[in-house]
Amino acid sequence: MISAYTGTQIREAERPLISAGAGAVLMQRAAYGMANAVIRELASRGIRPYGASVAVLAGKGNNGGDGLFAAAFLAARGMRTTAVLTAGDAHPEGLAAFERAGGRALTLTDHNAGGLAAAAAGADVVIDAVLGTGAQGGLRGATASLIGTLNSGPHGFVVACDIPSGVNADTGEAFDPVLSADATVTFGGVKAGLLADPGADHAGRVLVIPIGIEGELPPPALRRLESADLARLLPPPARRSHKYTRGVLGVVAGSEQYPGAAVLACRGALAAGAGMVRYLGPPEATRLVRQACPEVVCGPDNVADAHVQAWLVGSGIADGDDQQLQRVRDAVETGLPVAADAGALPALPDVLARHVVLTPHGGELARLLQRYGIDLGRQGVDGATLDAVRRAAERTSATVLLKGATTLVAAPSGPVFSQAEATPWMATAGSGDVLSGVLGSLLAQHSDDEEKFEACGISADQRWAAIGAMAASLHGLAGTLASNGGPVTAGAIAACLPEVMRTL
């Protein structure tokens, strides 16, 4: 499992070592790791380090010092190194080491930003070491002009030092202009802002360099499940399992206007291993479900008469469908785990519980937050996804799964889960209905497995968010498998789920 931390958490972990006089050692470890990462990146691209060129964009703080020391190591390996000092000043020891190694330092001004940008663009490698984890806001003045010019044309591959300049290490907010990295080499621990959009848009591959503070780190602010975690958390059926012990899911989905959503939700639930799916919906949707999924039991008409372990509600429910919306409210009142998708959100009470997992996209989350007097708008949500999903979970007291290129899952308290296995090709109609089915299926199968989650370091209260992360991960892996680099349909995503689970 990947753990990620805020910039404040990292700095607090560094503080005892810095107080003990080890600050220079931490910087050397970071710089050495950065230099080796650059060399490995060059090798992967078929470029010999000796004679290759590197331009380091260095701010005046410790982040700039990390970049300058890294460039000094690279100069010692025969690379031609140039530093652009973006603040007119630089970390004294880092600059001295850089110049001793033969590096050339140039000072950025309002008058030479274009020329220095052109020179940096011609380098094989550009190291972004302007702003570090403690920076607030974005780049300004000549530095902003320099980065804007670099962004406008071709340039060498970009390695961000700890975090891309202009990305908030705590929240993932990005303040233009940001020089998007091909790889971010981060020190001591992953920064939370690298695993949340829009920061993740600019991070590229994230490489972690241990520097000796790892034993001082507190509980993480953000976590990401990996394949090994999924394998541990997805138990195969026991020898004497039967359909009722494997999880029975009730599905309230679809409408006369959107009957296909019910089919896709049921297909997702079946493919993710539910022992039985019971469907409650209008006649046209019921007919389609029977045709497409003969395994699904259609009926009864009322939530109270359905014997299930969890509910999936909301996919494809249209405004004004009073009977389906009443079923949504009845399902929530059962006290069972609930996956609540788009159409269900307006019908839910203001205060819910952790075992209710809401699954909005950005626009739906913006409308949900408006109910609580928080007017971010879609643009505000998309620009600060981590903050938005946390606020939604706190206000609703539910678990909130915010769908996106990076899917975030937040409980009312504790670390947020972040998953990013999906391919952009999955941005297609019905994909979210399949995800809801997967989530409902996992809630029915695994909601009582407290010991299994605790064995993975996930508390009982946090298991609902972890189940949401599991669903997002399986859905993303299945979509990537189905896509194989090209267009994909929601039905194909569902069809690939069993193969993904077999592989895990």
Protein backbone atom coordinates (compact mmCIF):
# COMPACT_ATOMS: atom_id res chain seq x y z
CA MET A 1 0.00 0.00 0.00
CA ILE A 2 1.29 3.44 -0.92
CA SER A 3 1.15 6.04 1.84
CA ALA A 4 1.23 9.75 1.07
CA TYR A 5 1.79 12.72 3.36
CA THR A 6 1.24 16.44 3.42
CA GLY A 7 4.20 18.75 3.11
CA THR A 8 3.69 19.72 6.75
CA GLN A 9 3.93 16.09 7.85
CA ILE A 10 7.17 15.64 5.92
CA ARG A 11 8.70 18.80 7.34
CA GLU A 12 7.74 17.80 10.89
CA ALA A 13 9.38 14.40 10.36
CA GLU A 14 12.55 16.14 9.16
CA ARG A 15 12.64 18.59 12.07
CA PRO A 16 14.31 16.32 14.71
CA LEU A 17 17.06 15.34 12.28
CA ILE A 18 17.65 18.91 11.18
CA SER A 19 17.79 20.02 14.83
CA ALA A 20 20.42 17.33 15.39
CA GLY A 21 22.55 18.82 12.59
CA ALA A 22 21.67 16.29 9.88
CA GLY A 23 20.04 18.73 7.46
CA ALA A 24 22.95 18.63 5.03
CA VAL A 25 22.91 14.82 5.09
CA LEU A 26 19.20 14.76 4.20
CA MET A 27 19.85 17.10 1.27
CA GLN A 28 22.74 15.00 -0.01
CA ARG A 29 20.64 11.85 0.11
CA ALA A 30 17.84 13.56 -1.77
CA ALA A 31 20.19 14.98 -4.41
CA TYR A 32 22.02 11.68 -4.92
CA GLY A 33 18.71 9.89 -5.37
CA MET A 34 17.55 12.55 -7.83
CA ALA A 35 20.76 12.28 -9.87
CA ASN A 36 20.51 8.50 -10.10
CA ALA A 37 16.86 8.75 -11.14
CA VAL A 38 17.87 11.09 -13.98
CA ILE A 39 20.58 8.68 -15.11
CA ARG A 40 18.15 5.75 -15.10
CA GLU A 41 15.65 7.83 -17.08
CA LEU A 42 18.31 8.68 -19.66
CA ALA A 43 19.26 5.01 -19.97
CA SER A 44 15.62 4.01 -20.49
CA ARG A 45 15.49 6.47 -23.40
CA GLY A 46 18.71 5.21 -24.96
CA ILE A 47 20.69 8.35 -24.06
CA ARG A 48 24.22 7.99 -22.67
CA PRO A 49 24.71 10.20 -19.59
CA TYR A 50 28.25 11.20 -20.64
CA GLY A 51 27.93 14.27 -22.83
CA ALA A 52 24.19 14.66 -22.29
CA SER A 53 22.90 18.04 -21.18
CA VAL A 54 20.81 19.02 -18.16
CA ALA A 55 19.22 22.34 -17.25
CA VAL A 56 18.19 22.82 -13.63
CA LEU A 57 15.66 25.55 -12.82
CA ALA A 58 16.68 26.41 -9.26
CA GLY A 59 14.79 28.49 -6.73
CA LYS A 60 16.45 30.07 -3.73
CA GLY A 61 15.26 27.57 -1.09
CA ASN A 62 16.09 24.01 -0.14
CA ASN A 63 14.28 22.64 -3.19
CA GLY A 64 16.66 24.63 -5.36
CA GLY A 65 19.53 23.30 -3.25
CA ASP A 66 18.41 19.72 -3.90
CA GLY A 67 18.38 20.45 -7.63
CA LEU A 68 21.80 22.11 -7.65
CA PHE A 69 23.44 19.30 -5.67
CA ALA A 70 21.82 16.76 -8.02
CA ALA A 71 23.18 18.67 -11.01
CA ALA A 72 26.63 18.64 -9.40
CA PHE A 73 26.45 14.84 -9.14
CA LEU A 74 25.42 14.69 -12.80
CA ALA A 75 28.27 16.97 -13.84
CA ALA A 76 30.65 14.56 -12.14
CA ARG A 77 29.24 11.85 -14.45
CA GLY A 78 30.21 13.89 -17.51
CA MET A 79 26.94 15.72 -18.15
CA ARG A 80 26.90 19.32 -19.37
CA THR A 81 25.01 21.27 -16.70
CA THR A 82 23.40 24.69 -16.70
CA ALA A 83 21.48 26.26 -13.82
CA VAL A 84 18.87 28.97 -14.25
CA LEU A 85 18.66 30.83 -10.94
CA THR A 86 15.03 31.92 -10.90
CA ALA A 87 15.22 34.12 -7.80
CA GLY A 88 18.51 35.90 -8.48
CA ASP A 89 19.90 33.99 -5.52
CA ALA A 90 20.35 30.33 -4.69
CA HIS A 91 21.12 27.87 -1.92
CA PRO A 92 24.76 28.88 -1.15
CA GLU A 93 26.23 25.42 -0.56
CA GLY A 94 24.30 23.89 -3.46
CA LEU A 95 25.42 26.62 -5.86
CA ALA A 96 29.04 26.32 -4.71
CA ALA A 97 29.02 22.55 -5.25
CA PHE A 98 27.42 23.02 -8.66
CA GLU A 99 30.03 25.53 -9.82
CA ARG A 100 32.92 23.43 -8.44
CA ALA A 101 31.65 20.55 -10.57
CA GLY A 102 31.88 22.74 -13.67
CA GLY A 103 28.26 23.84 -13.92
CA ARG A 104 27.33 27.17 -15.47
CA ALA A 105 24.88 29.39 -13.54
CA LEU A 106 22.70 32.01 -15.23
CA THR A 107 20.46 34.49 -13.42
CA LEU A 108 16.90 34.91 -14.68
CA THR A 109 15.62 38.45 -15.26
CA ASP A 110 12.58 39.99 -16.89
CA HIS A 111 14.69 40.63 -19.99
CA ASN A 112 16.24 37.23 -20.64
CA ALA A 113 13.36 34.84 -19.79
CA GLY A 114 12.75 33.97 -23.45
CA GLY A 115 16.39 33.27 -24.19
CA LEU A 116 16.89 31.14 -21.07
CA ALA A 117 13.72 29.23 -21.83
CA ALA A 118 15.04 28.43 -25.29
CA ALA A 119 18.36 27.28 -23.82
CA ALA A 120 16.62 25.07 -21.24
CA ALA A 121 14.34 23.62 -23.91
CA GLY A 122 17.41 22.41 -25.80
CA ALA A 123 18.70 20.33 -22.88
CA ASP A 124 18.16 16.57 -22.77
CA VAL A 125 16.84 16.88 -19.20
CA VAL A 126 15.09 19.74 -17.42
CA ILE A 127 15.05 19.57 -13.60
CA ASP A 128 12.27 21.66 -12.02
CA ALA A 129 13.59 22.72 -8.61
CA VAL A 130 11.94 26.12 -8.29
CA LEU A 131 9.32 25.67 -5.56
CA GLY A 132 9.17 23.01 -2.84
CA THR A 133 6.52 21.58 -0.55
CA GLY A 134 6.25 24.69 1.60
CA ALA A 135 5.39 27.05 -1.25
CA GLN A 136 1.97 28.70 -1.39
CA GLY A 137 0.48 29.71 -4.73
CA GLY A 138 2.17 29.58 -8.08
CA LEU A 139 5.02 31.02 -10.09
CA ARG A 140 5.20 34.74 -10.77
CA GLY A 141 7.00 37.29 -12.88
CA ALA A 142 9.95 36.19 -14.97
CA THR A 143 9.75 32.61 -13.66
CA ALA A 144 6.15 32.30 -14.81
CA SER A 145 7.18 33.68 -18.20
CA LEU A 146 10.05 31.18 -18.41
CA ILE A 147 7.78 28.21 -17.65
CA GLY A 148 5.07 29.48 -19.98
CA THR A 149 7.57 29.67 -22.83
CA LEU A 150 8.88 26.18 -22.07
CA ASN A 151 5.33 24.83 -22.10
CA SER A 152 4.66 26.36 -25.51
CA GLY A 153 7.20 24.27 -27.40
CA PRO A 154 9.22 21.05 -27.43
CA HIS A 155 11.74 20.40 -24.67
CA GLY A 156 13.63 17.56 -23.06
CA PHE A 157 12.09 15.26 -20.53
CA VAL A 158 11.21 16.98 -17.27
CA VAL A 159 12.02 15.70 -13.78
CA ALA A 160 10.34 17.52 -10.90
CA CYS A 161 12.34 17.82 -7.70
CA ASP A 162 10.02 16.67 -4.88
CA ILE A 163 6.92 18.24 -6.49
CA PRO A 164 6.20 20.15 -9.71
CA SER A 165 6.48 23.87 -9.01
CA GLY A 166 3.03 25.39 -8.62
CA VAL A 167 1.39 22.20 -7.33
CA ASN A 168 0.24 22.30 -3.70
CA ALA A 169 1.83 19.36 -1.90
CA ASP A 170 -1.09 19.05 0.54
CA THR A 171 -4.12 19.39 -1.74
CA GLY A 172 -3.01 18.79 -5.32
CA GLU A 173 -4.23 22.21 -6.42
CA ALA A 174 -2.27 23.50 -9.41
CA PHE A 175 -1.55 27.16 -10.10
CA ASP A 176 -0.69 27.93 -13.72
CA PRO A 177 1.79 27.86 -15.23
CA VAL A 178 3.06 24.41 -14.20
CA LEU A 179 5.81 22.59 -16.08
CA SER A 180 4.34 19.09 -16.29
CA ALA A 181 6.87 16.44 -15.33
CA ASP A 182 7.56 13.14 -17.01
CA ALA A 183 8.69 11.95 -13.58
CA THR A 184 8.58 13.41 -10.09
CA VAL A 185 11.35 12.34 -7.72
CA THR A 186 10.00 12.93 -4.25
CA PHE A 187 11.87 12.59 -0.96
CA GLY A 188 11.03 10.70 2.25
CA GLY A 189 7.46 9.90 1.23
CA VAL A 190 4.94 10.56 -1.50
CA LYS A 191 3.27 13.96 -1.21
CA ALA A 192 -0.53 13.80 -1.08
CA GLY A 193 -0.84 16.42 -3.81
CA LEU A 194 0.87 14.09 -6.28
CA LEU A 195 -1.92 11.53 -5.96
CA ALA A 196 -4.89 13.89 -6.32
CA ASP A 197 -6.11 15.83 -9.33
CA PRO A 198 -5.13 18.20 -10.78
CA GLY A 199 -1.68 17.72 -9.22
CA ALA A 200 -1.54 14.19 -10.58
CA ASP A 201 -1.96 15.62 -14.09
CA HIS A 202 1.47 17.23 -13.76
CA ALA A 203 3.37 14.61 -11.73
CA GLY A 204 4.13 11.91 -14.29
CA ARG A 205 5.60 8.78 -12.74
CA VAL A 206 6.28 9.23 -9.03
CA LEU A 207 9.57 7.86 -7.65
CA VAL A 208 10.26 7.91 -3.90
CA ILE A 209 13.77 8.38 -2.54
CA PRO A 210 14.23 7.33 1.12
CA ILE A 211 16.29 9.90 3.01
CA GLY A 212 16.11 8.58 6.59
CA ILE A 213 12.97 10.25 7.93
CA GLU A 214 10.65 7.34 7.22
CA GLY A 215 10.61 6.13 10.83
CA GLU A 216 9.45 9.58 11.98
CA LEU A 217 6.42 9.79 9.69
CA PRO A 218 2.93 9.98 11.24
CA PRO A 219 -0.16 8.17 9.90
CA PRO A 220 -0.58 9.12 6.24
CA ALA A 221 -3.01 11.69 4.88
CA LEU A 222 -3.70 9.60 1.81
CA ARG A 223 -3.36 5.94 0.86
CA ARG A 224 -3.40 3.97 -2.38
CA LEU A 225 -4.19 0.27 -2.65
CA GLU A 226 -1.88 -1.85 -4.78
CA SER A 227 -2.44 -5.23 -6.40
CA ALA A 228 -1.08 -7.09 -3.37
CA ASP A 229 -3.61 -5.32 -1.14
CA LEU A 230 -6.47 -6.26 -3.45
CA ALA A 231 -5.31 -9.88 -3.44
CA ARG A 232 -5.41 -9.91 0.38
CA LEU A 233 -8.77 -8.16 0.60
CA LEU A 234 -10.64 -10.21 -2.03
CA PRO A 235 -11.16 -13.64 -0.45
CA PRO A 236 -12.15 -16.51 -2.72
CA PRO A 237 -15.31 -18.38 -1.72
CA ALA A 238 -14.83 -21.13 0.85
CA ARG A 239 -15.46 -24.77 -0.03
CA ARG A 240 -18.93 -24.71 1.54
CA SER A 241 -19.95 -21.25 0.42
CA HIS A 242 -23.32 -20.77 -1.24
CA LYS A 243 -25.04 -17.87 -2.95
CA TYR A 244 -26.38 -16.38 0.26
CA THR A 245 -23.04 -16.44 2.10
CA ARG A 246 -21.27 -14.85 -0.88
CA GLY A 247 -23.33 -11.68 -0.61
CA VAL A 248 -26.80 -10.76 -1.81
CA LEU A 249 -27.08 -7.31 -3.35
CA GLY A 250 -30.30 -5.40 -3.86
CA VAL A 251 -30.30 -3.07 -6.87
CA VAL A 252 -32.61 -0.09 -7.26
CA ALA A 253 -31.57 1.36 -10.61
CA GLY A 254 -32.85 2.32 -14.02
CA SER A 255 -35.95 4.11 -15.22
CA GLU A 256 -38.16 4.24 -18.29
CA GLN A 257 -35.76 6.92 -19.58
CA TYR A 258 -32.51 5.10 -18.71
CA PRO A 259 -33.26 1.36 -18.56
CA GLY A 260 -29.75 0.37 -19.71
CA ALA A 261 -28.21 1.70 -16.51
CA ALA A 262 -29.96 -1.07 -14.59
CA VAL A 263 -28.48 -3.71 -16.89
CA LEU A 264 -24.95 -2.34 -16.58
CA ALA A 265 -25.18 -2.02 -12.79
CA CYS A 266 -26.36 -5.63 -12.53
CA ARG A 267 -23.64 -6.83 -14.89
CA GLY A 268 -21.00 -5.06 -12.82
CA ALA A 269 -22.34 -6.61 -9.61
CA LEU A 270 -22.45 -10.13 -11.04
CA ALA A 271 -18.99 -9.88 -12.57
CA ALA A 272 -17.51 -8.70 -9.26
CA GLY A 273 -18.62 -11.87 -7.49
CA ALA A 274 -21.94 -11.22 -5.74
CA GLY A 275 -23.66 -14.48 -4.88
CA MET A 276 -27.06 -13.10 -5.87
CA VAL A 277 -28.47 -9.89 -7.28
CA ARG A 278 -32.07 -8.84 -6.65
CA TYR A 279 -33.42 -6.12 -8.93
CA LEU A 280 -36.23 -3.67 -8.15
CA GLY A 281 -37.27 -1.36 -10.96
CA PRO A 282 -39.85 -0.26 -13.55
CA PRO A 283 -41.26 -2.73 -16.12
CA GLU A 284 -39.13 -1.75 -19.13
CA ALA A 285 -35.89 -1.87 -17.15
CA THR A 286 -36.95 -5.15 -15.55
CA ARG A 287 -37.57 -6.67 -18.98
CA LEU A 288 -34.11 -5.64 -20.17
CA VAL A 289 -32.44 -6.96 -17.02
CA ARG A 290 -34.16 -10.34 -17.44
CA GLN A 291 -32.98 -10.55 -21.04
CA ALA A 292 -29.40 -9.44 -20.42
CA CYS A 293 -28.82 -11.01 -16.99
CA PRO A 294 -30.96 -14.12 -16.46
CA GLU A 295 -29.01 -14.71 -13.22
CA VAL A 296 -30.65 -11.69 -11.63
CA VAL A 297 -33.74 -12.24 -9.49
CA CYS A 298 -36.28 -9.53 -10.34
CA GLY A 299 -38.48 -8.53 -7.45
CA PRO A 300 -40.02 -8.13 -4.95
CA ASP A 301 -41.57 -4.70 -5.45
CA ASN A 302 -40.74 -3.35 -1.99
CA VAL A 303 -37.38 -2.88 -0.29
CA ALA A 304 -38.77 -4.22 2.99
CA ASP A 305 -39.49 -7.59 1.36
CA ALA A 306 -36.02 -8.04 -0.14
CA HIS A 307 -33.51 -10.04 1.91
CA VAL A 308 -30.09 -8.64 1.03
CA GLN A 309 -26.75 -7.75 2.65
CA ALA A 310 -26.29 -4.40 0.84
CA TRP A 311 -27.98 -2.04 -1.60
CA LEU A 312 -26.98 -0.30 -4.80
CA VAL A 313 -29.30 2.61 -5.55
CA GLY A 314 -29.49 5.46 -8.00
CA SER A 315 -27.91 4.42 -11.31
CA GLY A 316 -30.11 5.68 -14.13
CA ILE A 317 -32.97 6.85 -11.90
CA ALA A 318 -34.64 9.84 -13.53
CA ASP A 319 -36.02 12.93 -11.82
CA GLY A 320 -39.68 12.47 -10.98
CA ASP A 321 -39.57 8.66 -10.74
CA ASP A 322 -41.32 8.71 -7.37
CA GLN A 323 -41.50 4.95 -6.90
CA GLN A 324 -37.77 4.43 -7.50
CA LEU A 325 -36.85 7.42 -5.33
CA GLN A 326 -38.96 6.05 -2.50
CA ARG A 327 -37.14 2.75 -2.83
CA VAL A 328 -33.88 4.69 -2.53
CA ARG A 329 -35.01 6.26 0.74
CA ASP A 330 -36.27 2.91 2.03
CA ALA A 331 -32.95 1.23 1.23
CA VAL A 332 -30.99 3.84 3.18
CA GLU A 333 -33.33 3.43 6.15
CA THR A 334 -32.59 -0.32 6.37
CA GLY A 335 -29.23 0.51 7.96
CA LEU A 336 -27.45 -1.83 5.53
CA PRO A 337 -24.41 -0.76 3.50
CA VAL A 338 -25.49 1.31 0.50
CA ALA A 339 -23.77 2.38 -2.71
CA ALA A 340 -25.63 5.53 -3.80
CA ASP A 341 -25.08 6.66 -7.37
CA ALA A 342 -26.13 9.77 -9.29
CA GLY A 343 -29.92 9.60 -9.36
CA ALA A 344 -30.12 8.76 -5.66
CA LEU A 345 -28.19 11.76 -4.35
CA PRO A 346 -31.04 14.33 -4.33
CA ALA A 347 -33.30 11.89 -2.45
CA LEU A 348 -30.93 11.18 0.42
CA PRO A 349 -31.20 12.77 3.88
CA ASP A 350 -28.68 15.45 4.80
CA VAL A 351 -26.95 13.32 7.43
CA LEU A 352 -25.96 9.77 6.58
CA ALA A 353 -23.43 7.25 7.90
CA ARG A 354 -20.03 5.85 6.92
CA HIS A 355 -21.56 2.69 5.45
CA VAL A 356 -23.39 4.80 2.85
CA VAL A 357 -20.96 5.31 -0.05
CA LEU A 358 -21.87 8.17 -2.39
CA THR A 359 -20.41 7.99 -5.92
CA PRO A 360 -20.70 11.43 -7.59
CA HIS A 361 -18.69 12.82 -10.45
CA GLY A 362 -17.42 16.39 -10.17
CA GLY A 363 -20.64 18.10 -11.25
CA GLU A 364 -22.79 15.97 -8.96
CA LEU A 365 -20.45 16.64 -6.05
CA ALA A 366 -20.69 20.39 -6.70
CA ARG A 367 -24.50 20.16 -6.56
CA LEU A 368 -24.33 18.03 -3.41
CA LEU A 369 -22.10 20.56 -1.66
CA GLN A 370 -24.50 23.35 -2.57
CA ARG A 371 -27.07 21.69 -0.32
CA TYR A 372 -24.71 22.41 2.57
CA GLY A 373 -24.02 26.01 1.59
CA ILE A 374 -20.68 25.27 -0.11
CA ASP A 375 -20.73 26.78 -3.58
CA LEU A 376 -17.59 25.55 -5.33
CA GLY A 377 -19.10 24.88 -8.74
CA ARG A 378 -17.81 22.17 -11.06
CA GLN A 379 -14.64 24.11 -11.78
CA GLY A 380 -13.95 24.52 -8.07
CA VAL A 381 -14.36 20.81 -7.43
CA ASP A 382 -12.16 19.82 -10.38
CA GLY A 383 -9.48 22.29 -9.30
CA ALA A 384 -9.25 20.98 -5.72
CA THR A 385 -10.61 17.43 -5.70
CA LEU A 386 -8.98 16.38 -2.44
CA ASP A 387 -10.40 19.32 -0.50
CA ALA A 388 -13.83 18.89 -2.11
CA VAL A 389 -14.19 15.19 -1.34
CA ARG A 390 -13.07 15.70 2.25
CA ARG A 391 -15.59 18.49 2.77
CA ALA A 392 -18.38 16.39 1.30
CA ALA A 393 -17.61 13.45 3.58
CA GLU A 394 -17.44 15.71 6.63
CA ARG A 395 -20.76 17.41 5.85
CA THR A 396 -22.72 14.29 4.90
CA SER A 397 -21.08 11.94 7.47
CA ALA A 398 -21.04 9.44 4.59
CA THR A 399 -18.17 7.93 2.64
CA VAL A 400 -17.74 9.81 -0.65
CA LEU A 401 -16.20 8.34 -3.80
CA LEU A 402 -15.39 11.12 -6.27
CA LYS A 403 -15.06 9.65 -9.75
CA GLY A 404 -12.37 10.98 -12.06
CA ALA A 405 -9.03 10.28 -13.71
CA THR A 406 -7.87 9.87 -10.12
CA THR A 407 -10.72 8.51 -8.02
CA LEU A 408 -10.70 9.70 -4.41
CA VAL A 409 -12.59 8.02 -1.57
CA ALA A 410 -13.02 9.91 1.70
CA ALA A 411 -14.59 8.90 4.98
CA PRO A 412 -15.73 11.61 7.45
CA SER A 413 -12.31 11.29 9.10
CA GLY A 414 -9.04 9.50 8.46
CA PRO A 415 -6.89 9.20 5.34
CA VAL A 416 -8.35 9.53 1.87
CA PHE A 417 -7.89 6.67 -0.61
CA SER A 418 -6.66 7.48 -4.12
CA GLN A 419 -6.79 5.10 -7.11
CA ALA A 420 -5.65 5.82 -10.68
CA GLU A 421 -5.64 2.56 -12.64
CA ALA A 422 -8.21 3.73 -15.20
CA THR A 423 -7.53 4.64 -18.83
CA PRO A 424 -8.99 7.84 -20.34
CA TRP A 425 -10.85 5.59 -22.80
CA MET A 426 -13.19 4.70 -19.91
CA ALA A 427 -14.80 8.14 -20.13
CA THR A 428 -17.85 6.62 -21.81
CA ALA A 429 -21.55 6.32 -21.08
CA GLY A 430 -22.42 3.57 -18.61
CA SER A 431 -18.93 3.16 -17.18
CA GLY A 432 -20.05 4.67 -13.87
CA ASP A 433 -23.03 2.29 -13.70
CA VAL A 434 -20.64 -0.66 -13.90
CA LEU A 435 -18.51 0.89 -11.14
CA SER A 436 -21.59 1.21 -8.94
CA GLY A 437 -22.36 -2.44 -9.50
CA VAL A 438 -18.83 -3.43 -8.52
CA LEU A 439 -19.04 -1.30 -5.38
CA GLY A 440 -22.42 -2.71 -4.38
CA SER A 441 -21.15 -6.24 -4.92
CA LEU A 442 -18.10 -5.66 -2.71
CA LEU A 443 -20.22 -4.07 0.01
CA ALA A 444 -22.45 -7.15 0.05
CA GLN A 445 -19.50 -9.56 0.11
CA HIS A 446 -16.99 -7.87 2.38
CA SER A 447 -18.67 -5.41 4.73
CA ASP A 448 -18.32 -7.79 7.72
CA ASP A 449 -14.67 -8.68 7.10
CA GLU A 450 -13.31 -6.34 9.76
CA GLU A 451 -10.40 -8.61 10.67
CA LYS A 452 -9.23 -8.85 7.08
CA PHE A 453 -9.11 -5.07 6.77
CA GLU A 454 -7.41 -4.64 10.13
CA ALA A 455 -4.73 -7.11 9.02
CA CYS A 456 -3.96 -4.65 6.21
CA GLY A 457 -3.76 -1.73 8.63
CA ILE A 458 -7.26 -0.46 7.81
CA SER A 459 -9.53 0.21 10.79
CA ALA A 460 -13.14 -0.94 10.95
CA ASP A 461 -14.34 2.64 10.44
CA GLN A 462 -12.10 3.04 7.40
CA ARG A 463 -13.15 -0.19 5.70
CA TRP A 464 -16.01 1.48 3.84
CA ALA A 465 -13.59 3.87 2.16
CA ALA A 466 -11.23 0.96 1.46
CA ILE A 467 -14.07 -0.99 -0.19
CA GLY A 468 -14.74 2.06 -2.36
CA ALA A 469 -11.06 2.15 -3.30
CA MET A 470 -11.16 -1.57 -4.11
CA ALA A 471 -14.11 -1.01 -6.43
CA ALA A 472 -12.41 1.90 -8.18
CA SER A 473 -9.23 -0.12 -8.61
CA LEU A 474 -10.96 -3.21 -10.03
CA HIS A 475 -13.05 -1.04 -12.33
CA GLY A 476 -9.96 0.81 -13.59
CA LEU A 477 -7.99 -2.39 -14.14
CA ALA A 478 -10.89 -4.00 -16.00
CA GLY A 479 -11.36 -0.93 -18.19
CA THR A 480 -7.67 -0.78 -19.03
CA LEU A 481 -7.69 -4.48 -19.92
CA ALA A 482 -10.81 -4.09 -22.05
CA SER A 483 -9.49 -1.00 -23.80
CA ASN A 484 -6.05 -2.31 -24.73
CA GLY A 485 -5.22 1.22 -25.82
CA GLY A 486 -8.40 1.96 -27.78
CA PRO A 487 -12.12 2.68 -27.37
CA VAL A 488 -14.04 0.63 -24.84
CA THR A 489 -17.70 0.20 -23.91
CA ALA A 490 -19.18 -0.11 -20.44
CA GLY A 491 -20.28 -3.65 -21.21
CA ALA A 492 -16.73 -4.62 -22.14
CA ILE A 493 -15.50 -3.28 -18.81
CA ALA A 494 -17.93 -5.55 -16.96
CA ALA A 495 -16.91 -8.50 -19.11
CA CYS A 496 -13.23 -8.08 -18.13
CA LEU A 497 -13.81 -7.94 -14.38
CA PRO A 498 -13.62 -11.73 -13.79
CA GLU A 499 -10.27 -11.91 -15.59
CA VAL A 500 -8.89 -9.09 -13.47
CA MET A 501 -10.03 -10.82 -10.29
CA ARG A 502 -8.61 -14.15 -11.44
CA THR A 503 -5.28 -12.47 -12.10
CA LEU A 504 -5.26 -10.89 -8.65
